[in-house]
Amino acid sequence: MALRDIKPTRSELINLKRKIQLSERGYKILKMKRDGLIMEFFKILAEAKDSRGELLKKYQHAVEMMAVANTVEGAI
């Protein structure tokens, strides 16, 4: 908004103050949403790490079982 677009009247001052208040409220709401999304992201990240750990354990067990099967049956 350029300075020449603003009229030096009391009503214009009131309108600008309202716009500023609206902008500040919108900023606070967006900040709260961002914080909520970050908390949710970290919760999902922790779950993903746990799932990855379990998957890695199952994979290692499967590799060991394949090695045992290969030893017992031989390469067919």
PDB file of N, CA and C in Angstrom:
ATOM      1  N   MET A   1       0.849  -1.159   0.000  1.00  0.00           N
ATOM      2  CA  MET A   1       0.000   0.000   0.000  1.00  0.00           C
ATOM      3  C   MET A   1       0.900   1.230   0.000  1.00  0.00           C
ATOM      4  N   ALA A   2       0.737   2.073  -0.991  1.00  0.00           N
ATOM      5  CA  ALA A   2       1.552   3.279  -1.103  1.00  0.00           C
ATOM      6  C   ALA A   2       1.014   4.360  -0.177  1.00  0.00           C
ATOM      7  N   LEU A   3       1.882   5.265   0.216  1.00  0.00           N
ATOM      8  CA  LEU A   3       1.478   6.333   1.127  1.00  0.00           C
ATOM      9  C   LEU A   3       0.470   7.276   0.491  1.00  0.00           C
ATOM     10  N   ARG A   4       0.507   7.466  -0.798  1.00  0.00           N
ATOM     11  CA  ARG A   4      -0.414   8.413  -1.436  1.00  0.00           C
ATOM     12  C   ARG A   4      -1.832   7.852  -1.539  1.00  0.00           C
ATOM     13  N   ASP A   5      -1.999   6.533  -1.298  1.00  0.00           N
ATOM     14  CA  ASP A   5      -3.332   5.933  -1.338  1.00  0.00           C
ATOM     15  C   ASP A   5      -4.094   6.160  -0.040  1.00  0.00           C
ATOM     16  N   ILE A   6      -3.428   6.606   1.006  1.00  0.00           N
ATOM     17  CA  ILE A   6      -4.054   6.772   2.308  1.00  0.00           C
ATOM     18  C   ILE A   6      -4.516   8.221   2.468  1.00  0.00           C
ATOM     19  N   LYS A   7      -5.787   8.368   2.802  1.00  0.00           N
ATOM     20  CA  LYS A   7      -6.329   9.704   3.039  1.00  0.00           C
ATOM     21  C   LYS A   7      -6.129  10.039   4.516  1.00  0.00           C
ATOM     22  N   PRO A   8      -5.711  11.249   4.824  1.00  0.00           N
ATOM     23  CA  PRO A   8      -5.455  11.622   6.223  1.00  0.00           C
ATOM     24  C   PRO A   8      -6.735  12.003   6.974  1.00  0.00           C
ATOM     25  N   THR A   9      -7.629  11.025   7.113  1.00  0.00           N
ATOM     26  CA  THR A   9      -8.876  11.293   7.832  1.00  0.00           C
ATOM     27  C   THR A   9      -8.990  10.332   9.004  1.00  0.00           C
ATOM     28  N   ARG A  10      -9.847  10.681   9.923  1.00  0.00           N
ATOM     29  CA  ARG A  10     -10.056   9.841  11.117  1.00  0.00           C
ATOM     30  C   ARG A  10     -10.661   8.494  10.730  1.00  0.00           C
ATOM     31  N   SER A  11     -11.589   8.504   9.817  1.00  0.00           N
ATOM     32  CA  SER A  11     -12.216   7.237   9.400  1.00  0.00           C
ATOM     33  C   SER A  11     -11.199   6.319   8.729  1.00  0.00           C
ATOM     34  N   GLU A  12     -10.289   6.891   7.972  1.00  0.00           N
ATOM     35  CA  GLU A  12      -9.244   6.080   7.338  1.00  0.00           C
ATOM     36  C   GLU A  12      -8.311   5.485   8.396  1.00  0.00           C
ATOM     37  N   LEU A  13      -8.013   6.254   9.439  1.00  0.00           N
ATOM     38  CA  LEU A  13      -7.194   5.761  10.534  1.00  0.00           C
ATOM     39  C   LEU A  13      -7.877   4.583  11.232  1.00  0.00           C
ATOM     40  N   ILE A  14      -9.172   4.706  11.469  1.00  0.00           N
ATOM     41  CA  ILE A  14      -9.936   3.624  12.105  1.00  0.00           C
ATOM     42  C   ILE A  14      -9.925   2.383  11.221  1.00  0.00           C
ATOM     43  N   ASN A  15     -10.119   2.559   9.928  1.00  0.00           N
ATOM     44  CA  ASN A  15     -10.106   1.419   8.994  1.00  0.00           C
ATOM     45  C   ASN A  15      -8.735   0.738   8.973  1.00  0.00           C
ATOM     46  N   LEU A  16      -7.670   1.539   8.988  1.00  0.00           N
ATOM     47  CA  LEU A  16      -6.330   0.953   8.990  1.00  0.00           C
ATOM     48  C   LEU A  16      -6.063   0.190  10.270  1.00  0.00           C
ATOM     49  N   LYS A  17      -6.514   0.707  11.413  1.00  0.00           N
ATOM     50  CA  LYS A  17      -6.336  -0.001  12.680  1.00  0.00           C
ATOM     51  C   LYS A  17      -7.080  -1.325  12.669  1.00  0.00           C
ATOM     52  N   ARG A  18      -8.275  -1.339  12.086  1.00  0.00           N
ATOM     53  CA  ARG A  18      -9.046  -2.593  11.980  1.00  0.00           C
ATOM     54  C   ARG A  18      -8.304  -3.601  11.110  1.00  0.00           C
ATOM     55  N   LYS A  19      -7.751  -3.120   9.997  1.00  0.00           N
ATOM     56  CA  LYS A  19      -7.002  -4.016   9.112  1.00  0.00           C
ATOM     57  C   LYS A  19      -5.776  -4.588   9.822  1.00  0.00           C
ATOM     58  N   ILE A  20      -5.119  -3.756  10.607  1.00  0.00           N
ATOM     59  CA  ILE A  20      -3.945  -4.220  11.346  1.00  0.00           C
ATOM     60  C   ILE A  20      -4.343  -5.271  12.374  1.00  0.00           C
ATOM     61  N   GLN A  21      -5.438  -5.027  13.092  1.00  0.00           N
ATOM     62  CA  GLN A  21      -5.909  -6.008  14.078  1.00  0.00           C
ATOM     63  C   GLN A  21      -6.288  -7.324  13.410  1.00  0.00           C
ATOM     64  N   LEU A  22      -6.965  -7.239  12.271  1.00  0.00           N
ATOM     65  CA  LEU A  22      -7.345  -8.443  11.536  1.00  0.00           C
ATOM     66  C   LEU A  22      -6.104  -9.212  11.086  1.00  0.00           C
ATOM     67  N   SER A  23      -5.111  -8.485  10.602  1.00  0.00           N
ATOM     68  CA  SER A  23      -3.867  -9.128  10.162  1.00  0.00           C
ATOM     69  C   SER A  23      -3.171  -9.819  11.328  1.00  0.00           C
ATOM     70  N   GLU A  24      -3.136  -9.157  12.479  1.00  0.00           N
ATOM     71  CA  GLU A  24      -2.481  -9.750  13.651  1.00  0.00           C
ATOM     72  C   GLU A  24      -3.213 -10.994  14.126  1.00  0.00           C
ATOM     73  N   ARG A  25      -4.546 -10.965  14.109  1.00  0.00           N
ATOM     74  CA  ARG A  25      -5.305 -12.165  14.501  1.00  0.00           C
ATOM     75  C   ARG A  25      -5.063 -13.304  13.522  1.00  0.00           C
ATOM     76  N   GLY A  26      -5.055 -12.972  12.230  1.00  0.00           N
ATOM     77  CA  GLY A  26      -4.782 -13.995  11.221  1.00  0.00           C
ATOM     78  C   GLY A  26      -3.405 -14.600  11.391  1.00  0.00           C
ATOM     79  N   TYR A  27      -2.428 -13.754  11.720  1.00  0.00           N
ATOM     80  CA  TYR A  27      -1.066 -14.233  11.941  1.00  0.00           C
ATOM     81  C   TYR A  27      -1.017 -15.186  13.129  1.00  0.00           C
ATOM     82  N   LYS A  28      -1.691 -14.831  14.210  1.00  0.00           N
ATOM     83  CA  LYS A  28      -1.706 -15.692  15.396  1.00  0.00           C
ATOM     84  C   LYS A  28      -2.352 -17.033  15.093  1.00  0.00           C
ATOM     85  N   ILE A  29      -3.443 -17.016  14.336  1.00  0.00           N
ATOM     86  CA  ILE A  29      -4.130 -18.267  13.976  1.00  0.00           C
ATOM     87  C   ILE A  29      -3.217 -19.150  13.125  1.00  0.00           C
ATOM     88  N   LEU A  30      -2.560 -18.545  12.139  1.00  0.00           N
ATOM     89  CA  LEU A  30      -1.651 -19.321  11.292  1.00  0.00           C
ATOM     90  C   LEU A  30      -0.480 -19.875  12.090  1.00  0.00           C
ATOM     91  N   LYS A  31       0.010 -19.114  13.055  1.00  0.00           N
ATOM     92  CA  LYS A  31       1.108 -19.578  13.909  1.00  0.00           C
ATOM     93  C   LYS A  31       0.667 -20.776  14.745  1.00  0.00           C
ATOM     94  N   MET A  32      -0.555 -20.722  15.286  1.00  0.00           N
ATOM     95  CA  MET A  32      -1.073 -21.847  16.069  1.00  0.00           C
ATOM     96  C   MET A  32      -1.243 -23.084  15.190  1.00  0.00           C
ATOM     97  N   LYS A  33      -1.734 -22.899  13.969  1.00  0.00           N
ATOM     98  CA  LYS A  33      -1.883 -24.030  13.048  1.00  0.00           C
ATOM     99  C   LYS A  33      -0.522 -24.645  12.724  1.00  0.00           C
ATOM    100  N   ARG A  34       0.465 -23.791  12.482  1.00  0.00           N
ATOM    101  CA  ARG A  34       1.811 -24.284  12.180  1.00  0.00           C
ATOM    102  C   ARG A  34       2.355 -25.093  13.339  1.00  0.00           C
ATOM    103  N   ASP A  35       2.196 -24.587  14.555  1.00  0.00           N
ATOM    104  CA  ASP A  35       2.684 -25.303  15.726  1.00  0.00           C
ATOM    105  C   ASP A  35       1.990 -26.656  15.871  1.00  0.00           C
ATOM    106  N   GLY A  36       0.679 -26.690  15.622  1.00  0.00           N
ATOM    107  CA  GLY A  36      -0.059 -27.949  15.687  1.00  0.00           C
ATOM    108  C   GLY A  36       0.424 -28.947  14.646  1.00  0.00           C
ATOM    109  N   LEU A  37       0.678 -28.465  13.443  1.00  0.00           N
ATOM    110  CA  LEU A  37       1.156 -29.356  12.384  1.00  0.00           C
ATOM    111  C   LEU A  37       2.558 -29.891  12.700  1.00  0.00           C
ATOM    112  N   ILE A  38       3.393 -29.057  13.295  1.00  0.00           N
ATOM    113  CA  ILE A  38       4.738 -29.512  13.659  1.00  0.00           C
ATOM    114  C   ILE A  38       4.661 -30.598  14.722  1.00  0.00           C
ATOM    115  N   MET A  39       3.782 -30.404  15.717  1.00  0.00           N
ATOM    116  CA  MET A  39       3.623 -31.429  16.759  1.00  0.00           C
ATOM    117  C   MET A  39       3.121 -32.738  16.151  1.00  0.00           C
ATOM    118  N   GLU A  40       2.166 -32.643  15.249  1.00  0.00           N
ATOM    119  CA  GLU A  40       1.633 -33.839  14.590  1.00  0.00           C
ATOM    120  C   GLU A  40       2.710 -34.522  13.750  1.00  0.00           C
ATOM    121  N   PHE A  41       3.530 -33.723  13.072  1.00  0.00           N
ATOM    122  CA  PHE A  41       4.613 -34.270  12.256  1.00  0.00           C
ATOM    123  C   PHE A  41       5.588 -35.063  13.112  1.00  0.00           C
ATOM    124  N   PHE A  42       5.979 -34.520  14.262  1.00  0.00           N
ATOM    125  CA  PHE A  42       6.936 -35.222  15.112  1.00  0.00           C
ATOM    126  C   PHE A  42       6.336 -36.500  15.691  1.00  0.00           C
ATOM    127  N   LYS A  43       5.028 -36.494  15.956  1.00  0.00           N
ATOM    128  CA  LYS A  43       4.380 -37.708  16.445  1.00  0.00           C
ATOM    129  C   LYS A  43       4.414 -38.791  15.363  1.00  0.00           C
ATOM    130  N   ILE A  44       4.114 -38.419  14.138  1.00  0.00           N
ATOM    131  CA  ILE A  44       4.137 -39.377  13.025  1.00  0.00           C
ATOM    132  C   ILE A  44       5.563 -39.839  12.754  1.00  0.00           C
ATOM    133  N   LEU A  45       6.528 -38.926  12.910  1.00  0.00           N
ATOM    134  CA  LEU A  45       7.924 -39.288  12.711  1.00  0.00           C
ATOM    135  C   LEU A  45       8.368 -40.349  13.714  1.00  0.00           C
ATOM    136  N   ALA A  46       7.943 -40.208  14.960  1.00  0.00           N
ATOM    137  CA  ALA A  46       8.291 -41.205  15.980  1.00  0.00           C
ATOM    138  C   ALA A  46       7.684 -42.564  15.637  1.00  0.00           C
ATOM    139  N   GLU A  47       6.431 -42.561  15.180  1.00  0.00           N
ATOM    140  CA  GLU A  47       5.788 -43.813  14.775  1.00  0.00           C
ATOM    141  C   GLU A  47       6.525 -44.445  13.597  1.00  0.00           C
ATOM    142  N   ALA A  48       6.961 -43.620  12.655  1.00  0.00           N
ATOM    143  CA  ALA A  48       7.681 -44.144  11.488  1.00  0.00           C
ATOM    144  C   ALA A  48       9.015 -44.758  11.904  1.00  0.00           C
ATOM    145  N   LYS A  49       9.693 -44.120  12.853  1.00  0.00           N
ATOM    146  CA  LYS A  49      10.956 -44.682  13.332  1.00  0.00           C
ATOM    147  C   LYS A  49      10.730 -46.032  14.001  1.00  0.00           C
ATOM    148  N   ASP A  50       9.668 -46.131  14.806  1.00  0.00           N
ATOM    149  CA  ASP A  50       9.365 -47.405  15.464  1.00  0.00           C
ATOM    150  C   ASP A  50       9.049 -48.486  14.434  1.00  0.00           C
ATOM    151  N   SER A  51       8.236 -48.132  13.440  1.00  0.00           N
ATOM    152  CA  SER A  51       7.868 -49.099  12.396  1.00  0.00           C
ATOM    153  C   SER A  51       9.092 -49.539  11.619  1.00  0.00           C
ATOM    154  N   ARG A  52       9.974 -48.587  11.356  1.00  0.00           N
ATOM    155  CA  ARG A  52      11.184 -48.938  10.612  1.00  0.00           C
ATOM    156  C   ARG A  52      12.054 -49.896  11.420  1.00  0.00           C
ATOM    157  N   GLY A  53      12.154 -49.669  12.727  1.00  0.00           N
ATOM    158  CA  GLY A  53      12.935 -50.565  13.582  1.00  0.00           C
ATOM    159  C   GLY A  53      12.366 -51.972  13.581  1.00  0.00           C
ATOM    160  N   GLU A  54      11.053 -52.083  13.691  1.00  0.00           N
ATOM    161  CA  GLU A  54      10.411 -53.405  13.664  1.00  0.00           C
ATOM    162  C   GLU A  54      10.636 -54.087  12.319  1.00  0.00           C
ATOM    163  N   LEU A  55      10.500 -53.329  11.253  1.00  0.00           N
ATOM    164  CA  LEU A  55      10.691 -53.881   9.916  1.00  0.00           C
ATOM    165  C   LEU A  55      12.123 -54.364   9.733  1.00  0.00           C
ATOM    166  N   LEU A  56      13.069 -53.613  10.249  1.00  0.00           N
ATOM    167  CA  LEU A  56      14.470 -54.010  10.151  1.00  0.00           C
ATOM    168  C   LEU A  56      14.731 -55.310  10.906  1.00  0.00           C
ATOM    169  N   LYS A  57      14.125 -55.452  12.090  1.00  0.00           N
ATOM    170  CA  LYS A  57      14.284 -56.693  12.860  1.00  0.00           C
ATOM    171  C   LYS A  57      13.699 -57.882  12.102  1.00  0.00           C
ATOM    172  N   LYS A  58      12.515 -57.701  11.527  1.00  0.00           N
ATOM    173  CA  LYS A  58      11.880 -58.788  10.771  1.00  0.00           C
ATOM    174  C   LYS A  58      12.709 -59.147   9.541  1.00  0.00           C
ATOM    175  N   TYR A  59      13.292 -58.137   8.895  1.00  0.00           N
ATOM    176  CA  TYR A  59      14.124 -58.395   7.726  1.00  0.00           C
ATOM    177  C   TYR A  59      15.366 -59.197   8.113  1.00  0.00           C
ATOM    178  N   GLN A  60      16.004 -58.815   9.211  1.00  0.00           N
ATOM    179  CA  GLN A  60      17.187 -59.547   9.668  1.00  0.00           C
ATOM    180  C   GLN A  60      16.838 -60.998   9.993  1.00  0.00           C
ATOM    181  N   HIS A  61      15.689 -61.193  10.636  1.00  0.00           N
ATOM    182  CA  HIS A  61      15.245 -62.556  10.961  1.00  0.00           C
ATOM    183  C   HIS A  61      14.996 -63.349   9.686  1.00  0.00           C
ATOM    184  N   ALA A  62      14.384 -62.719   8.692  1.00  0.00           N
ATOM    185  CA  ALA A  62      14.117 -63.405   7.419  1.00  0.00           C
ATOM    186  C   ALA A  62      15.416 -63.782   6.721  1.00  0.00           C
ATOM    187  N   VAL A  63      16.395 -62.898   6.758  1.00  0.00           N
ATOM    188  CA  VAL A  63      17.689 -63.193   6.131  1.00  0.00           C
ATOM    189  C   VAL A  63      18.351 -64.379   6.827  1.00  0.00           C
ATOM    190  N   GLU A  64      18.277 -64.407   8.158  1.00  0.00           N
ATOM    191  CA  GLU A  64      18.845 -65.527   8.911  1.00  0.00           C
ATOM    192  C   GLU A  64      18.136 -66.831   8.560  1.00  0.00           C
ATOM    193  N   MET A  65      16.824 -66.801   8.450  1.00  0.00           N
ATOM    194  CA  MET A  65      16.063 -68.004   8.111  1.00  0.00           C
ATOM    195  C   MET A  65      16.394 -68.471   6.692  1.00  0.00           C
ATOM    196  N   MET A  66      16.595 -67.521   5.782  1.00  0.00           N
ATOM    197  CA  MET A  66      16.969 -67.898   4.412  1.00  0.00           C
ATOM    198  C   MET A  66      18.359 -68.549   4.406  1.00  0.00           C
ATOM    199  N   ALA A  67      19.265 -68.034   5.250  1.00  0.00           N
ATOM    200  CA  ALA A  67      20.595 -68.617   5.329  1.00  0.00           C
ATOM    201  C   ALA A  67      20.520 -70.039   5.879  1.00  0.00           C
ATOM    202  N   VAL A  68      19.692 -70.247   6.896  1.00  0.00           N
ATOM    203  CA  VAL A  68      19.515 -71.588   7.471  1.00  0.00           C
ATOM    204  C   VAL A  68      18.908 -72.515   6.426  1.00  0.00           C
ATOM    205  N   ALA A  69      17.878 -72.045   5.735  1.00  0.00           N
ATOM    206  CA  ALA A  69      17.248 -72.876   4.706  1.00  0.00           C
ATOM    207  C   ALA A  69      18.227 -73.211   3.587  1.00  0.00           C
ATOM    208  N   ASN A  70      19.030 -72.257   3.225  1.00  0.00           N
ATOM    209  CA  ASN A  70      20.025 -72.478   2.175  1.00  0.00           C
ATOM    210  C   ASN A  70      21.067 -73.498   2.640  1.00  0.00           C
ATOM    211  N   THR A  71      21.417 -73.442   3.893  1.00  0.00           N
ATOM    212  CA  THR A  71      22.400 -74.387   4.440  1.00  0.00           C
ATOM    213  C   THR A  71      21.817 -75.804   4.479  1.00  0.00           C
ATOM    214  N   VAL A  72      20.561 -75.922   4.925  1.00  0.00           N
ATOM    215  CA  VAL A  72      19.933 -77.236   5.064  1.00  0.00           C
ATOM    216  C   VAL A  72      19.604 -77.837   3.695  1.00  0.00           C
ATOM    217  N   GLU A  73      18.974 -77.057   2.833  1.00  0.00           N
ATOM    218  CA  GLU A  73      18.502 -77.583   1.549  1.00  0.00           C
ATOM    219  C   GLU A  73      19.537 -77.479   0.456  1.00  0.00           C
ATOM    220  N   GLY A  74      20.445 -76.545   0.586  1.00  0.00           N
ATOM    221  CA  GLY A  74      21.426 -76.326  -0.469  1.00  0.00           C
ATOM    222  C   GLY A  74      20.838 -75.394  -1.526  1.00  0.00           C
ATOM    223  N   ALA A  75      21.655 -74.943  -2.405  1.00  0.00           N
ATOM    224  CA  ALA A  75      21.204 -74.034  -3.469  1.00  0.00           C
ATOM    225  C   ALA A  75      20.551 -74.868  -4.564  1.00  0.00           C
ATOM    226  N   ILE A  76      19.245 -74.705  -4.703  1.00  0.00           N
ATOM    227  CA  ILE A  76      18.514 -75.480  -5.731  1.00  0.00           C
ATOM    228  C   ILE A  76      18.126 -74.538  -6.852  1.00  0.00           C
TER     229      ILE A  76
END
